[in-house]
Amino acid sequence: MGHRRTGTLDCPQGTGHTDEMHDAHDQGTVPAATGGPPDHDDPGLSAEGGVPPSTACHPDTDIDLIELETALLCAADATTLRAAITAAIPNVRRPVARISVQVVDDASMIALHTQWHNIDTTTDVLTFEGDTTGPIDVDIAVCVDEAQRQAATRGHAVIDELVLYVLHGLLHCSGHDDKTPEGQTRMFAAQDELLRSIGRAPISEHLS
């Protein structure tokens, strides 16, 4: 990406369903909180969307790499999410400058999806990358309501689903896409490899 405007993610307030991960990943100028849609979508990545920055939240920062806004999670799940992201950083293809993760509900996710891409539905994860050439600098919004639905269907914990969503976004930042069946197969395999590398059970092999 060329120019990047700084800021943190919108705070959640808090329907729909997805059968497989179809996050939105944008490459281009980060939009202002009240501006129009991002400059352009990356045609090699999945669904369309973006995460507008805001100064409304005050995320917890870990050595300037990981910023989390996890008010919708219990303390144990927030700790698990941070630990999973920290463990994943050495295993992604690019160095990391900043990863900001906002856990939102359906209402907030629908608002984000609608505002930036005129798609009036919730989704599992939206990623917004700050720089596609240098170290990873990304904002990621993950939907806890969608994670609850998918976790119930897939038979694992909600936090496992949320970890998967964040890793999915990081893999998009590492050059993966899932728009084609072949790309999806490769990405799902990479997700499971990344999950195993941080000591977690694979999930993607069970997705359809």
C-alpha atoms as a PDB file:
ATOM      1  CA  MET A   1       0.000   0.000   0.000  1.00  0.00           C
ATOM      2  CA  GLY A   2       1.067   3.509  -0.575  1.00  0.00           C
ATOM      3  CA  HIS A   3      -0.181   6.045   1.988  1.00  0.00           C
ATOM      4  CA  ARG A   4      -1.585   4.913   5.349  1.00  0.00           C
ATOM      5  CA  ARG A   5      -3.693   6.929   7.750  1.00  0.00           C
ATOM      6  CA  THR A   6      -3.271   5.796  11.323  1.00  0.00           C
ATOM      7  CA  GLY A   7      -5.924   4.934  13.877  1.00  0.00           C
ATOM      8  CA  THR A   8      -7.504   2.033  15.725  1.00  0.00           C
ATOM      9  CA  LEU A   9     -10.629   0.055  14.949  1.00  0.00           C
ATOM     10  CA  ASP A  10     -14.167   1.136  15.694  1.00  0.00           C
ATOM     11  CA  CYS A  11     -15.447   0.017  19.110  1.00  0.00           C
ATOM     12  CA  PRO A  12     -18.258  -2.579  18.954  1.00  0.00           C
ATOM     13  CA  GLN A  13     -21.876  -1.996  19.787  1.00  0.00           C
ATOM     14  CA  GLY A  14     -23.605  -5.656  19.761  1.00  0.00           C
ATOM     15  CA  THR A  15     -27.402 -11.671  10.978  1.00  0.00           C
ATOM     16  CA  GLY A  16     -26.361 -13.955   8.880  1.00  0.00           C
ATOM     17  CA  HIS A  17     -24.375 -17.088   8.349  1.00  0.00           C
ATOM     18  CA  THR A  18     -21.331 -18.207   6.425  1.00  0.00           C
ATOM     19  CA  ASP A  19     -20.562 -21.781   5.508  1.00  0.00           C
ATOM     20  CA  GLU A  20     -16.896 -21.070   4.910  1.00  0.00           C
ATOM     21  CA  MET A  21     -14.474 -18.312   5.621  1.00  0.00           C
ATOM     22  CA  HIS A  22     -14.867 -15.448   3.186  1.00  0.00           C
ATOM     23  CA  ASP A  23     -13.188 -12.517   4.836  1.00  0.00           C
ATOM     24  CA  ALA A  24     -12.630  -9.178   3.248  1.00  0.00           C
ATOM     25  CA  HIS A  25      -9.061  -8.107   2.620  1.00  0.00           C
ATOM     26  CA  ASP A  26      -8.240  -4.660   1.304  1.00  0.00           C
ATOM     27  CA  GLN A  27      -5.019  -3.315  -0.087  1.00  0.00           C
ATOM     28  CA  GLY A  28      -4.822   0.395  -0.716  1.00  0.00           C
ATOM     29  CA  THR A  29      -5.193   3.597   1.273  1.00  0.00           C
ATOM     30  CA  VAL A  30      -6.698   3.117   4.711  1.00  0.00           C
ATOM     31  CA  PRO A  31      -9.955   5.114   4.706  1.00  0.00           C
ATOM     32  CA  ALA A  32     -10.798   7.760   7.229  1.00  0.00           C
ATOM     33  CA  ALA A  33     -13.516   6.775   9.698  1.00  0.00           C
ATOM     34  CA  THR A  34     -16.172   8.821   7.908  1.00  0.00           C
ATOM     35  CA  GLY A  35     -14.843   8.601   4.367  1.00  0.00           C
ATOM     36  CA  GLY A  36     -15.744   6.451   1.373  1.00  0.00           C
ATOM     37  CA  PRO A  37     -14.636   2.929   0.547  1.00  0.00           C
ATOM     38  CA  PRO A  38     -10.968   1.950   0.234  1.00  0.00           C
ATOM     39  CA  ASP A  39      -9.143   2.880  -2.957  1.00  0.00           C
ATOM     40  CA  HIS A  40      -9.347  -0.622  -4.392  1.00  0.00           C
ATOM     41  CA  ASP A  41      -9.873  -4.235  -3.468  1.00  0.00           C
ATOM     42  CA  ASP A  42      -7.253  -6.876  -3.959  1.00  0.00           C
ATOM     43  CA  PRO A  43      -8.792  -9.069  -6.699  1.00  0.00           C
ATOM     44  CA  GLY A  44      -6.822 -12.087  -5.521  1.00  0.00           C
ATOM     45  CA  LEU A  45      -8.470 -12.238  -2.094  1.00  0.00           C
ATOM     46  CA  SER A  46     -11.843 -13.370  -0.831  1.00  0.00           C
ATOM     47  CA  ALA A  47     -14.945 -11.305  -0.086  1.00  0.00           C
ATOM     48  CA  GLU A  48     -14.971  -7.512  -0.121  1.00  0.00           C
ATOM     49  CA  GLY A  49     -14.756  -5.256   2.923  1.00  0.00           C
ATOM     50  CA  GLY A  50     -12.527  -3.139   5.107  1.00  0.00           C
ATOM     51  CA  VAL A  51     -12.065  -1.960   8.651  1.00  0.00           C
ATOM     52  CA  PRO A  52     -12.283   1.791   9.189  1.00  0.00           C
ATOM     53  CA  PRO A  53      -9.941   3.258  11.773  1.00  0.00           C
ATOM     54  CA  SER A  54     -11.210   5.234  14.729  1.00  0.00           C
ATOM     55  CA  THR A  55      -9.829   6.825  17.859  1.00  0.00           C
ATOM     56  CA  ALA A  56     -12.776   5.661  19.977  1.00  0.00           C
ATOM     57  CA  CYS A  57     -10.977   2.631  21.464  1.00  0.00           C
ATOM     58  CA  HIS A  58      -7.846   2.391  23.542  1.00  0.00           C
ATOM     59  CA  PRO A  59      -6.470  -1.073  22.724  1.00  0.00           C
ATOM     60  CA  ASP A  60      -4.020  -2.976  24.874  1.00  0.00           C
ATOM     61  CA  THR A  61      -0.609  -2.908  23.182  1.00  0.00           C
ATOM     62  CA  ASP A  62       2.084  -5.563  23.475  1.00  0.00           C
ATOM     63  CA  ILE A  63       5.543  -4.251  22.518  1.00  0.00           C
ATOM     64  CA  ASP A  64       3.982  -2.192  19.713  1.00  0.00           C
ATOM     65  CA  LEU A  65       3.185  -5.347  17.704  1.00  0.00           C
ATOM     66  CA  ILE A  66      -0.189  -6.567  18.917  1.00  0.00           C
ATOM     67  CA  GLU A  67      -3.179  -4.369  19.720  1.00  0.00           C
ATOM     68  CA  LEU A  68      -6.327  -6.076  20.989  1.00  0.00           C
ATOM     69  CA  GLU A  69      -9.821  -4.829  21.722  1.00  0.00           C
ATOM     70  CA  THR A  70     -11.511  -7.826  23.342  1.00  0.00           C
ATOM     71  CA  ALA A  71     -14.277  -6.405  25.526  1.00  0.00           C
ATOM     72  CA  LEU A  72     -16.673  -9.057  24.204  1.00  0.00           C
ATOM     73  CA  LEU A  73     -14.439 -11.910  25.397  1.00  0.00           C
ATOM     74  CA  CYS A  74     -13.778 -13.288  28.855  1.00  0.00           C
ATOM     75  CA  ALA A  75     -10.287 -12.699  30.244  1.00  0.00           C
ATOM     76  CA  ALA A  76      -9.166 -16.272  29.563  1.00  0.00           C
ATOM     77  CA  ASP A  77     -10.200 -16.140  25.896  1.00  0.00           C
ATOM     78  CA  ALA A  78      -8.548 -12.741  25.440  1.00  0.00           C
ATOM     79  CA  THR A  79      -5.320 -14.155  26.880  1.00  0.00           C
ATOM     80  CA  THR A  80      -5.579 -17.192  24.594  1.00  0.00           C
ATOM     81  CA  LEU A  81      -6.104 -15.009  21.542  1.00  0.00           C
ATOM     82  CA  ARG A  82      -3.091 -12.840  22.358  1.00  0.00           C
ATOM     83  CA  ALA A  83      -0.910 -15.906  22.970  1.00  0.00           C
ATOM     84  CA  ALA A  84      -1.955 -17.473  19.661  1.00  0.00           C
ATOM     85  CA  ILE A  85      -1.159 -14.312  17.704  1.00  0.00           C
ATOM     86  CA  THR A  86       2.182 -13.945  19.460  1.00  0.00           C
ATOM     87  CA  ALA A  87       3.080 -17.556  18.674  1.00  0.00           C
ATOM     88  CA  ALA A  88       2.005 -17.195  15.036  1.00  0.00           C
ATOM     89  CA  ILE A  89       4.122 -14.121  14.272  1.00  0.00           C
ATOM     90  CA  PRO A  90       7.415 -16.044  13.714  1.00  0.00           C
ATOM     91  CA  ASN A  91       5.598 -18.479  11.403  1.00  0.00           C
ATOM     92  CA  VAL A  92       4.152 -16.092   8.825  1.00  0.00           C
ATOM     93  CA  ARG A  93       6.033 -15.301   5.635  1.00  0.00           C
ATOM     94  CA  ARG A  94       6.542 -11.597   6.283  1.00  0.00           C
ATOM     95  CA  PRO A  95       7.909  -9.700   9.259  1.00  0.00           C
ATOM     96  CA  VAL A  96       5.286  -7.976  11.387  1.00  0.00           C
ATOM     97  CA  ALA A  97       5.141  -4.300  12.292  1.00  0.00           C
ATOM     98  CA  ARG A  98       1.661  -4.213  13.824  1.00  0.00           C
ATOM     99  CA  ILE A  99      -1.379  -6.468  14.185  1.00  0.00           C
ATOM    100  CA  SER A 100      -4.537  -4.849  15.531  1.00  0.00           C
ATOM    101  CA  VAL A 101      -7.472  -7.153  16.296  1.00  0.00           C
ATOM    102  CA  GLN A 102     -10.959  -5.970  17.205  1.00  0.00           C
ATOM    103  CA  VAL A 103     -13.540  -8.505  18.401  1.00  0.00           C
ATOM    104  CA  VAL A 104     -16.976  -7.263  17.298  1.00  0.00           C
ATOM    105  CA  ASP A 105     -20.549  -8.510  17.264  1.00  0.00           C
ATOM    106  CA  ASP A 106     -22.944  -8.944  14.343  1.00  0.00           C
ATOM    107  CA  ALA A 107     -24.268  -5.393  14.533  1.00  0.00           C
ATOM    108  CA  SER A 108     -20.800  -3.875  14.291  1.00  0.00           C
ATOM    109  CA  MET A 109     -19.691  -6.281  11.568  1.00  0.00           C
ATOM    110  CA  ILE A 110     -22.797  -5.554   9.501  1.00  0.00           C
ATOM    111  CA  ALA A 111     -22.136  -1.839   9.912  1.00  0.00           C
ATOM    112  CA  LEU A 112     -18.536  -2.244   8.743  1.00  0.00           C
ATOM    113  CA  HIS A 113     -19.499  -4.449   5.810  1.00  0.00           C
ATOM    114  CA  THR A 114     -22.228  -2.034   4.766  1.00  0.00           C
ATOM    115  CA  GLN A 115     -20.219   1.157   5.220  1.00  0.00           C
ATOM    116  CA  TRP A 116     -17.191   0.102   3.256  1.00  0.00           C
ATOM    117  CA  HIS A 117     -18.620  -2.250   0.623  1.00  0.00           C
ATOM    118  CA  ASN A 118     -22.377  -1.895   0.627  1.00  0.00           C
ATOM    119  CA  ILE A 119     -22.828  -5.523   1.722  1.00  0.00           C
ATOM    120  CA  ASP A 120     -25.597  -5.607   4.317  1.00  0.00           C
ATOM    121  CA  THR A 121     -24.583  -8.855   6.058  1.00  0.00           C
ATOM    122  CA  THR A 122     -22.324  -9.993   8.828  1.00  0.00           C
ATOM    123  CA  THR A 123     -19.150 -11.945   8.068  1.00  0.00           C
ATOM    124  CA  ASP A 124     -16.497 -13.812   9.998  1.00  0.00           C
ATOM    125  CA  VAL A 125     -13.419 -11.647   9.513  1.00  0.00           C
ATOM    126  CA  LEU A 126     -12.446  -8.412   7.771  1.00  0.00           C
ATOM    127  CA  THR A 127      -8.801  -7.615   7.233  1.00  0.00           C
ATOM    128  CA  PHE A 128      -7.383  -4.266   6.288  1.00  0.00           C
ATOM    129  CA  GLU A 129      -3.701  -4.183   5.483  1.00  0.00           C
ATOM    130  CA  GLY A 130      -1.625  -1.052   5.942  1.00  0.00           C
ATOM    131  CA  ASP A 131       1.321  -1.909   3.695  1.00  0.00           C
ATOM    132  CA  THR A 132       1.548  -4.773   1.213  1.00  0.00           C
ATOM    133  CA  THR A 133       5.252  -4.378   0.495  1.00  0.00           C
ATOM    134  CA  GLY A 134       6.893  -3.948   3.870  1.00  0.00           C
ATOM    135  CA  PRO A 135       6.280  -5.676   7.191  1.00  0.00           C
ATOM    136  CA  ILE A 136       2.688  -6.662   7.942  1.00  0.00           C
ATOM    137  CA  ASP A 137       0.700  -3.709   9.272  1.00  0.00           C
ATOM    138  CA  VAL A 138      -2.917  -4.819   9.518  1.00  0.00           C
ATOM    139  CA  ASP A 139      -6.247  -4.166  11.193  1.00  0.00           C
ATOM    140  CA  ILE A 140      -8.443  -7.242  11.614  1.00  0.00           C
ATOM    141  CA  ALA A 141     -12.052  -7.357  12.816  1.00  0.00           C
ATOM    142  CA  VAL A 142     -13.400 -10.764  13.879  1.00  0.00           C
ATOM    143  CA  CYS A 143     -17.057 -11.439  14.640  1.00  0.00           C
ATOM    144  CA  VAL A 144     -17.735 -13.269  17.890  1.00  0.00           C
ATOM    145  CA  ASP A 145     -21.380 -13.949  16.964  1.00  0.00           C
ATOM    146  CA  GLU A 146     -20.370 -15.656  13.729  1.00  0.00           C
ATOM    147  CA  ALA A 147     -17.670 -17.540  15.618  1.00  0.00           C
ATOM    148  CA  GLN A 148     -20.304 -18.815  18.049  1.00  0.00           C
ATOM    149  CA  ARG A 149     -22.460 -20.106  15.201  1.00  0.00           C
ATOM    150  CA  GLN A 150     -19.577 -21.752  13.388  1.00  0.00           C
ATOM    151  CA  ALA A 151     -18.076 -23.225  16.555  1.00  0.00           C
ATOM    152  CA  ALA A 152     -21.415 -24.852  17.404  1.00  0.00           C
ATOM    153  CA  THR A 153     -21.604 -26.354  13.916  1.00  0.00           C
ATOM    154  CA  ARG A 154     -17.989 -27.530  13.881  1.00  0.00           C
ATOM    155  CA  GLY A 155     -17.872 -28.792  17.446  1.00  0.00           C
ATOM    156  CA  HIS A 156     -15.063 -26.728  18.927  1.00  0.00           C
ATOM    157  CA  ALA A 157     -14.679 -23.713  21.201  1.00  0.00           C
ATOM    158  CA  VAL A 158     -15.505 -20.184  20.116  1.00  0.00           C
ATOM    159  CA  ILE A 159     -11.940 -19.065  20.834  1.00  0.00           C
ATOM    160  CA  ASP A 160     -10.657 -21.732  18.405  1.00  0.00           C
ATOM    161  CA  GLU A 161     -12.814 -20.171  15.702  1.00  0.00           C
ATOM    162  CA  LEU A 162     -11.620 -16.652  16.519  1.00  0.00           C
ATOM    163  CA  VAL A 163      -7.972 -17.736  16.413  1.00  0.00           C
ATOM    164  CA  LEU A 164      -8.657 -19.272  13.002  1.00  0.00           C
ATOM    165  CA  TYR A 165     -10.138 -15.991  11.744  1.00  0.00           C
ATOM    166  CA  VAL A 166      -7.087 -13.991  12.794  1.00  0.00           C
ATOM    167  CA  LEU A 167      -4.695 -16.517  11.241  1.00  0.00           C
ATOM    168  CA  HIS A 168      -6.775 -16.432   8.064  1.00  0.00           C
ATOM    169  CA  GLY A 169      -6.275 -12.681   7.885  1.00  0.00           C
ATOM    170  CA  LEU A 170      -2.536 -12.993   8.480  1.00  0.00           C
ATOM    171  CA  LEU A 171      -2.259 -15.566   5.708  1.00  0.00           C
ATOM    172  CA  HIS A 172      -3.920 -13.131   3.313  1.00  0.00           C
ATOM    173  CA  CYS A 173      -1.189 -10.678   4.280  1.00  0.00           C
ATOM    174  CA  SER A 174       1.321 -13.399   3.384  1.00  0.00           C
ATOM    175  CA  GLY A 175       0.045 -13.797  -0.178  1.00  0.00           C
ATOM    176  CA  HIS A 176      -2.661 -16.435   0.174  1.00  0.00           C
ATOM    177  CA  ASP A 177      -6.121 -16.131  -1.350  1.00  0.00           C
ATOM    178  CA  ASP A 178      -9.170 -18.369  -1.417  1.00  0.00           C
ATOM    179  CA  LYS A 179     -11.168 -17.108  -4.386  1.00  0.00           C
ATOM    180  CA  THR A 180     -10.586 -20.244  -6.431  1.00  0.00           C
ATOM    181  CA  PRO A 181     -10.990 -23.871  -5.318  1.00  0.00           C
ATOM    182  CA  GLU A 182      -7.259 -24.386  -5.759  1.00  0.00           C
ATOM    183  CA  GLY A 183      -6.401 -21.267  -3.776  1.00  0.00           C
ATOM    184  CA  GLN A 184      -8.828 -22.264  -1.053  1.00  0.00           C
ATOM    185  CA  THR A 185      -7.262 -25.716  -0.781  1.00  0.00           C
ATOM    186  CA  ARG A 186      -3.802 -24.201  -0.449  1.00  0.00           C
ATOM    187  CA  MET A 187      -4.984 -21.639   2.066  1.00  0.00           C
ATOM    188  CA  PHE A 188      -6.793 -24.174   4.209  1.00  0.00           C
ATOM    189  CA  ALA A 189      -3.680 -26.340   4.252  1.00  0.00           C
ATOM    190  CA  ALA A 190      -1.614 -23.294   5.263  1.00  0.00           C
ATOM    191  CA  GLN A 191      -4.101 -22.474   8.021  1.00  0.00           C
ATOM    192  CA  ASP A 192      -3.807 -25.957   9.475  1.00  0.00           C
ATOM    193  CA  GLU A 193      -0.026 -25.857   9.200  1.00  0.00           C
ATOM    194  CA  LEU A 194       0.001 -22.533  11.044  1.00  0.00           C
ATOM    195  CA  LEU A 195      -2.362 -23.876  13.702  1.00  0.00           C
ATOM    196  CA  ARG A 196      -0.115 -26.902  14.262  1.00  0.00           C
ATOM    197  CA  SER A 197       2.958 -24.662  14.438  1.00  0.00           C
ATOM    198  CA  ILE A 198       1.462 -22.837  17.432  1.00  0.00           C
ATOM    199  CA  GLY A 199       0.351 -26.032  19.152  1.00  0.00           C
ATOM    200  CA  ARG A 200      -3.320 -25.970  18.177  1.00  0.00           C
ATOM    201  CA  ALA A 201      -5.421 -28.633  16.488  1.00  0.00           C
ATOM    202  CA  PRO A 202      -6.141 -28.225  12.750  1.00  0.00           C
ATOM    203  CA  ILE A 203      -9.567 -26.912  11.817  1.00  0.00           C
ATOM    204  CA  SER A 204      -9.480 -26.036   8.140  1.00  0.00           C
ATOM    205  CA  GLU A 205      -9.411 -29.631   6.919  1.00  0.00           C
ATOM    206  CA  HIS A 206     -12.971 -29.926   8.214  1.00  0.00           C
ATOM    207  CA  LEU A 207     -14.253 -26.825   6.417  1.00  0.00           C
ATOM    208  CA  SER A 208     -16.254 -27.112   3.223  1.00  0.00           C
END
